[in-house]
Protein backbone atom coordinates (compact mmCIF):
# COMPACT_ATOMS: atom_id res chain seq x y z
CA MET A 1 -22.25 -23.38 -15.12
CA LEU A 2 -23.52 -20.15 -14.28
CA ASP A 3 -27.28 -19.41 -14.42
CA GLN A 4 -27.86 -17.08 -16.93
CA GLU A 5 -30.53 -15.15 -16.01
CA ALA A 6 -28.59 -14.46 -12.50
CA LEU A 7 -25.83 -13.35 -14.51
CA LYS A 8 -27.98 -11.16 -16.43
CA VAL A 9 -28.94 -9.49 -13.12
CA ALA A 10 -25.64 -9.30 -11.63
CA ASN A 11 -24.34 -7.50 -15.04
CA ASP A 12 -27.21 -5.01 -14.94
CA ARG A 13 -26.81 -4.35 -11.12
CA ILE A 14 -22.57 -4.01 -11.90
CA VAL A 15 -23.26 -1.67 -14.65
CA ILE A 16 -25.43 0.81 -12.36
CA GLU A 17 -23.09 0.43 -9.42
CA ILE A 18 -19.91 0.85 -11.76
CA GLY A 19 -21.82 4.24 -12.89
CA GLU A 20 -22.54 5.44 -9.36
CA GLN A 21 -19.01 4.87 -8.49
CA ASN A 22 -17.62 6.83 -11.27
CA ARG A 23 -19.49 9.93 -10.24
CA ARG A 24 -18.28 9.49 -6.46
CA VAL A 25 -14.93 9.35 -7.38
CA SER A 26 -14.98 12.59 -9.82
CA GLU A 27 -16.69 14.16 -6.67
CA GLU A 28 -13.78 13.11 -4.38
CA ILE A 29 -10.96 14.12 -7.06
CA SER A 30 -12.79 17.70 -7.35
CA LYS A 31 -12.80 18.10 -3.88
CA TYR A 32 -9.18 17.42 -3.38
CA LYS A 33 -8.15 19.44 -6.44
CA ALA A 34 -9.92 22.14 -4.73
CA GLN A 35 -8.29 21.67 -1.37
CA MET A 36 -4.99 21.31 -3.13
CA ALA A 37 -5.72 24.57 -4.96
CA GLY A 38 -6.16 26.44 -1.40
CA ARG A 39 -2.86 25.04 -0.56
CA GLY A 40 -1.32 26.44 -3.59
CA VAL A 41 0.12 23.12 -4.33
CA LEU A 42 -2.53 22.02 -7.16
CA ARG A 43 0.57 21.92 -10.01
CA SER A 44 2.45 19.33 -8.02
CA GLY A 45 3.70 15.97 -8.18
CA ALA A 46 1.79 15.70 -4.48
CA ALA A 47 -1.47 16.48 -6.19
CA VAL A 48 -1.10 13.99 -8.77
CA VAL A 49 0.09 11.14 -6.59
CA GLY A 50 -3.00 12.23 -4.33
CA ILE A 51 -5.16 11.88 -7.44
CA ARG A 52 -3.41 8.71 -8.33
CA THR A 53 -4.16 6.99 -5.21
CA LEU A 54 -8.31 7.96 -5.27
CA CYS A 55 -7.99 6.51 -8.47
CA ALA A 56 -6.11 3.23 -7.45
CA ASP A 57 -8.41 2.66 -3.97
CA ALA A 58 -11.45 3.30 -6.75
CA ILE A 59 -9.69 0.17 -8.86
CA LYS A 60 -9.51 -1.83 -5.30
CA ASN A 61 -12.97 -0.94 -4.57
CA ARG A 62 -14.78 -1.68 -7.77
CA ALA A 63 -13.20 -5.23 -7.77
CA LEU A 64 -14.92 -6.16 -4.28
CA LEU A 65 -18.17 -4.06 -5.50
CA VAL A 66 -18.33 -6.68 -8.43
CA TRP A 67 -17.75 -9.72 -6.39
CA GLN A 68 -20.13 -8.82 -4.02
CA ILE A 69 -22.75 -8.46 -6.35
CA LEU A 70 -21.87 -11.33 -8.49
CA HIS A 71 -21.62 -13.66 -5.56
CA ARG A 72 -25.00 -12.56 -4.11
CA SER A 73 -26.97 -12.87 -7.33
CA ILE A 74 -25.33 -16.21 -8.02
CA THR A 75 -25.70 -17.55 -4.32
CA THR A 76 -29.54 -16.28 -4.39
CA ALA A 77 -30.35 -18.14 -7.55
CA GLY A 78 -29.36 -21.30 -6.83
CA ILE A 79 -25.62 -22.73 -7.66
CA SER A 80 -23.70 -25.88 -7.27
CA TYR A 81 -20.18 -27.09 -7.91
CA SER A 82 -18.66 -27.85 -11.20
CA SER A 83 -15.06 -28.10 -12.18
CA ASP A 84 -15.39 -25.23 -14.77
CA LEU A 85 -17.17 -22.63 -12.33
CA GLY A 86 -14.17 -20.99 -10.95
CA GLU A 87 -12.70 -20.18 -14.24
CA GLU A 88 -16.50 -18.77 -15.63
CA LEU A 89 -16.74 -16.64 -12.56
CA LYS A 90 -13.08 -15.24 -12.82
CA GLU A 91 -13.75 -14.46 -16.66
CA VAL A 92 -16.59 -12.28 -15.57
CA MET A 93 -14.98 -10.26 -13.08
CA ALA A 94 -12.36 -9.84 -16.05
CA SER A 95 -15.32 -8.31 -17.85
CA HIS A 96 -15.63 -5.41 -15.67
CA MET A 97 -12.01 -5.35 -14.89
CA PRO A 98 -10.32 -5.10 -18.20
CA VAL A 99 -6.53 -4.03 -18.76
CA THR A 100 -8.01 -0.56 -20.40
CA LEU A 101 -9.87 0.65 -17.29
CA GLY A 102 -11.15 3.48 -19.62
CA ASP A 103 -13.47 5.02 -17.20
CA ILE A 104 -10.92 5.38 -14.40
CA LYS A 105 -7.83 5.68 -16.12
CA GLY A 106 -9.64 8.01 -18.47
CA CYS A 107 -10.87 10.07 -15.20
CA PHE A 108 -7.10 9.94 -14.00
CA LYS A 109 -5.68 11.55 -17.25
CA GLU A 110 -8.17 14.25 -17.47
CA ASN A 111 -7.63 15.51 -13.79
CA ILE A 112 -4.07 15.70 -14.42
CA GLU A 113 -3.99 16.74 -17.81
CA MET A 114 -3.16 20.65 -16.75
CA LEU A 115 -1.35 19.40 -13.71
CA THR A 116 1.79 17.89 -14.89
CA PRO A 117 3.48 17.59 -18.33
CA GLU A 118 3.95 14.01 -19.99
CA GLY A 119 7.17 12.40 -18.61
CA PRO A 120 8.03 10.18 -15.85
CA LEU A 121 5.36 10.62 -13.11
CA ARG A 122 2.56 10.36 -15.33
CA ASP A 123 4.05 6.89 -16.55
CA LYS A 124 4.75 5.62 -13.33
CA SER A 125 1.18 6.85 -12.17
CA MET A 126 -0.15 4.59 -15.15
CA ASP A 127 1.95 1.49 -14.13
CA GLU A 128 0.65 1.55 -10.03
CA LEU A 129 -3.03 1.70 -11.72
CA ASP A 130 -2.54 -1.39 -13.78
CA ARG A 131 -0.57 -2.93 -10.51
CA SER A 132 -3.67 -1.89 -8.73
CA ARG A 133 -5.66 -3.48 -10.69
CA ILE A 134 -3.84 -6.72 -10.88
CA GLU A 135 -3.52 -6.84 -7.12
CA ALA A 136 -7.19 -6.42 -6.94
CA LEU A 137 -8.25 -9.13 -9.22
CA GLU A 138 -5.82 -11.54 -7.21
CA LYS A 139 -7.56 -10.92 -4.02
CA VAL A 140 -10.73 -11.54 -5.32
CA HIS A 141 -9.66 -14.69 -7.18
CA THR A 142 -8.75 -16.30 -3.85
CA GLU A 143 -12.19 -15.52 -2.70
CA ILE A 144 -13.51 -17.11 -5.75
CA ASP A 145 -11.25 -20.35 -5.14
CA LEU A 146 -12.49 -20.66 -1.48
CA PHE A 147 -15.87 -20.02 -2.74
CA ILE A 148 -15.74 -23.04 -5.26
CA LEU A 149 -13.65 -25.16 -2.81
CA SER A 150 -16.61 -24.37 -0.10
CA LEU A 151 -19.20 -25.69 -3.06
CA LYS A 152 -17.17 -28.82 -3.81
CA ARG A 153 -16.85 -29.64 0.09
CA ARG A 154 -20.62 -29.19 0.23
CA ALA A 155 -20.94 -31.62 -2.81
CA GLU A 156 -18.84 -34.13 -1.42
CA MET A 157 -20.61 -33.97 2.01
CA SER A 158 -24.26 -34.33 0.18
CA ASP A 159 -22.83 -37.64 -2.09
CA LYS A 160 -21.74 -39.13 1.83
CA GLU A 161 -24.92 -38.45 3.40
CA SER A 162 -27.10 -39.57 0.54
CA ALA A 163 -25.40 -43.31 1.25
CA GLY A 164 -26.71 -43.76 4.64
CA THR A 165 -28.32 -42.37 7.64
CA VAL A 166 -26.85 -38.34 8.93
CA ILE A 167 -27.09 -37.45 11.90
CA ASN A 168 -26.92 -33.26 12.03
CA VAL A 169 -27.06 -31.69 15.57
CA TYR A 170 -28.12 -27.78 15.27
CA SER A 171 -26.00 -26.04 17.74
CA PRO A 172 -26.78 -24.38 20.00
CA THR A 173 -30.61 -25.58 20.04
CA GLY A 174 -29.76 -29.09 19.96
CA ALA A 175 -32.28 -30.05 17.58
CA ILE A 176 -31.17 -33.68 16.08
CA GLN A 177 -32.16 -34.62 12.40
CA THR A 178 -32.05 -38.10 11.50
CA GLY A 179 -31.73 -38.78 7.77
CA PRO A 180 -30.74 -36.69 4.64
CA HIS A 181 -34.47 -35.75 4.10
CA SER A 182 -36.35 -34.83 7.54
CA ILE A 183 -36.92 -31.68 8.93
CA ALA A 184 -35.96 -30.09 12.53
CA TYR A 185 -38.18 -27.80 13.67
CA VAL A 186 -36.56 -25.41 15.92
CA SER A 187 -38.16 -22.31 17.99
CA GLN A 188 -34.97 -20.00 18.58
CA THR A 189 -34.98 -16.65 20.33
CA ILE A 190 -32.73 -14.17 21.91
CA ASP A 191 -32.34 -13.06 25.62
CA SER A 192 -32.40 -9.35 26.73
CA GLU A 193 -28.78 -9.41 26.96
CA VAL A 194 -28.18 -9.99 23.28
CA ARG A 195 -31.16 -7.66 22.63
CA GLU A 196 -29.26 -4.70 24.28
CA LYS A 197 -25.82 -5.77 22.62
CA VAL A 198 -27.24 -5.51 18.95
CA LEU A 199 -29.50 -2.39 19.82
CA HIS A 200 -25.96 -0.22 20.99
CA ALA A 201 -23.95 -1.86 17.92
CA LEU A 202 -27.12 -0.60 15.59
CA GLU A 203 -27.37 3.06 17.63
CA GLU A 204 -23.28 3.35 17.28
CA VAL A 205 -23.36 2.57 13.73
CA GLN A 206 -26.22 4.61 12.75
CA ALA A 207 -24.59 7.56 15.04
CA PHE A 208 -21.32 6.93 12.52
CA ILE A 209 -23.27 6.85 9.34
CA ASN A 210 -24.90 10.24 9.98
CA ASP A 211 -21.77 11.67 10.87
CA VAL A 212 -20.35 10.81 7.29
CA GLU A 213 -20.94 12.54 4.23
CA ASP A 214 -20.88 8.90 1.91
CA LEU A 215 -20.55 5.39 2.38
CA PRO A 216 -18.01 4.11 -0.23
CA GLU A 217 -20.10 1.52 -2.18
CA TYR A 218 -23.53 2.03 -0.51
CA PRO A 219 -26.35 4.79 -0.67
CA LYS A 220 -25.85 6.21 2.85
CA ASN A 221 -29.93 6.50 3.20
CA GLU A 222 -30.37 2.84 2.08
CA ILE A 223 -28.27 2.05 4.75
CA LEU A 224 -29.80 4.13 7.39
CA ASP A 225 -32.92 2.61 6.45
CA LEU A 226 -31.75 -1.30 7.31
CA VAL A 227 -30.41 0.11 10.64
CA LEU A 228 -33.40 1.20 11.41
CA ASP A 229 -35.30 -2.06 10.09
CA GLY A 230 -32.63 -3.94 12.27
CA LYS A 231 -33.35 -1.99 15.51
CA LEU A 232 -37.01 -2.66 14.90
CA GLU A 233 -36.88 -6.14 14.51
CA VAL A 234 -34.65 -6.82 17.46
CA GLN A 235 -37.22 -4.77 19.43
CA GLU A 236 -40.14 -7.37 18.18
CA ASP A 237 -41.52 -10.26 20.75
CA LYS A 238 -40.20 -12.83 18.38
CA PRO A 239 -37.60 -11.54 16.33
CA ASN A 240 -36.95 -13.01 12.79
CA LEU A 241 -33.26 -13.96 13.70
CA THR A 242 -32.77 -15.07 10.01
CA LYS A 243 -33.75 -11.20 8.71
CA LEU A 244 -32.22 -9.80 11.65
CA ARG A 245 -28.66 -11.43 10.44
CA SER A 246 -29.08 -10.64 7.32
CA LEU A 247 -29.76 -7.16 7.84
CA LEU A 248 -26.61 -6.81 10.31
CA SER A 249 -24.56 -8.54 7.75
CA THR A 250 -25.30 -6.18 5.28
CA VAL A 251 -24.81 -2.88 7.01
CA GLY A 252 -21.29 -4.40 8.35
CA THR A 253 -20.22 -4.83 4.95
CA SER A 254 -21.26 -1.36 4.24
CA ILE A 255 -18.81 0.19 6.22
CA GLN A 256 -16.46 -2.39 6.90
CA MET A 257 -13.68 -0.49 4.22
CA MET A 258 -13.80 2.60 6.26
CA ALA A 259 -10.98 2.72 8.52
CA SER A 260 -12.78 5.27 10.83
CA ALA A 261 -15.70 2.77 11.10
CA LYS A 262 -13.37 0.31 12.71
CA PRO A 263 -15.03 0.82 16.55
CA ALA A 264 -18.90 0.66 15.01
CA TYR A 265 -17.75 -2.07 12.82
CA GLU A 266 -16.01 -4.56 15.51
CA LEU A 267 -19.15 -3.69 17.97
CA LEU A 268 -21.52 -4.70 15.09
CA LYS A 269 -19.63 -8.09 14.30
CA GLY A 270 -19.72 -8.76 17.79
CA ALA A 271 -23.24 -8.46 17.90
CA LEU A 272 -23.77 -10.96 14.88
CA CYS A 273 -22.69 -13.81 17.15
CA PHE A 274 -26.01 -15.10 18.57
């Protein structure tokens, strides 16, 4: 069963993020309409399709956004496997991705009201938005299924470990832990080559973020702060590797949906392999 306190935190954060997303979508549509007007094709089918695409993308991004916040909240608070957990998570997803999707669909209708009369194009556009919602939820449902499977396997492994002595080898340090309750104390460091690799990746990401106007689902300034934190941490004599991995992972998540960020994202992903 979901921790209700963690769920409340997640729901509150999701509401805030959805509000911010709606504002960004409205701004993107306004910019797009201005561009189309400047080309003299605002009142055209192409303009309607363009606005529909922006709204469809917003639907897909919202599903990922909701799942990221929900997953982070429940895993931070602590979660264990239960047979009905998957359905609970999918119900939460559905509550934030209702069939009506009044905000995004309403934004679409409002922006095309004066561009095209009611008819086949509008109907097709609404069908496309409905299809985007279904596809987005299907993708997230597979992520939920995988998450539940991982919890189940972990629970099964824990049951096996409690039945006898277990030896865990912590690669790449080679520390060996015997018994389910023993502790291995390990000192991990990174060499100069890895430091340079991580620094280079962060500098490339920083340059990319500085050049873009906005990030899809994250405040640009906050991600730049994380990049700076990562650069400072990796230059410490004994960097906190757990903190560093977390920073790199969060920064990577913030840009992974942007096609233009692929070179910087690949560098960052490679730098995480330490």
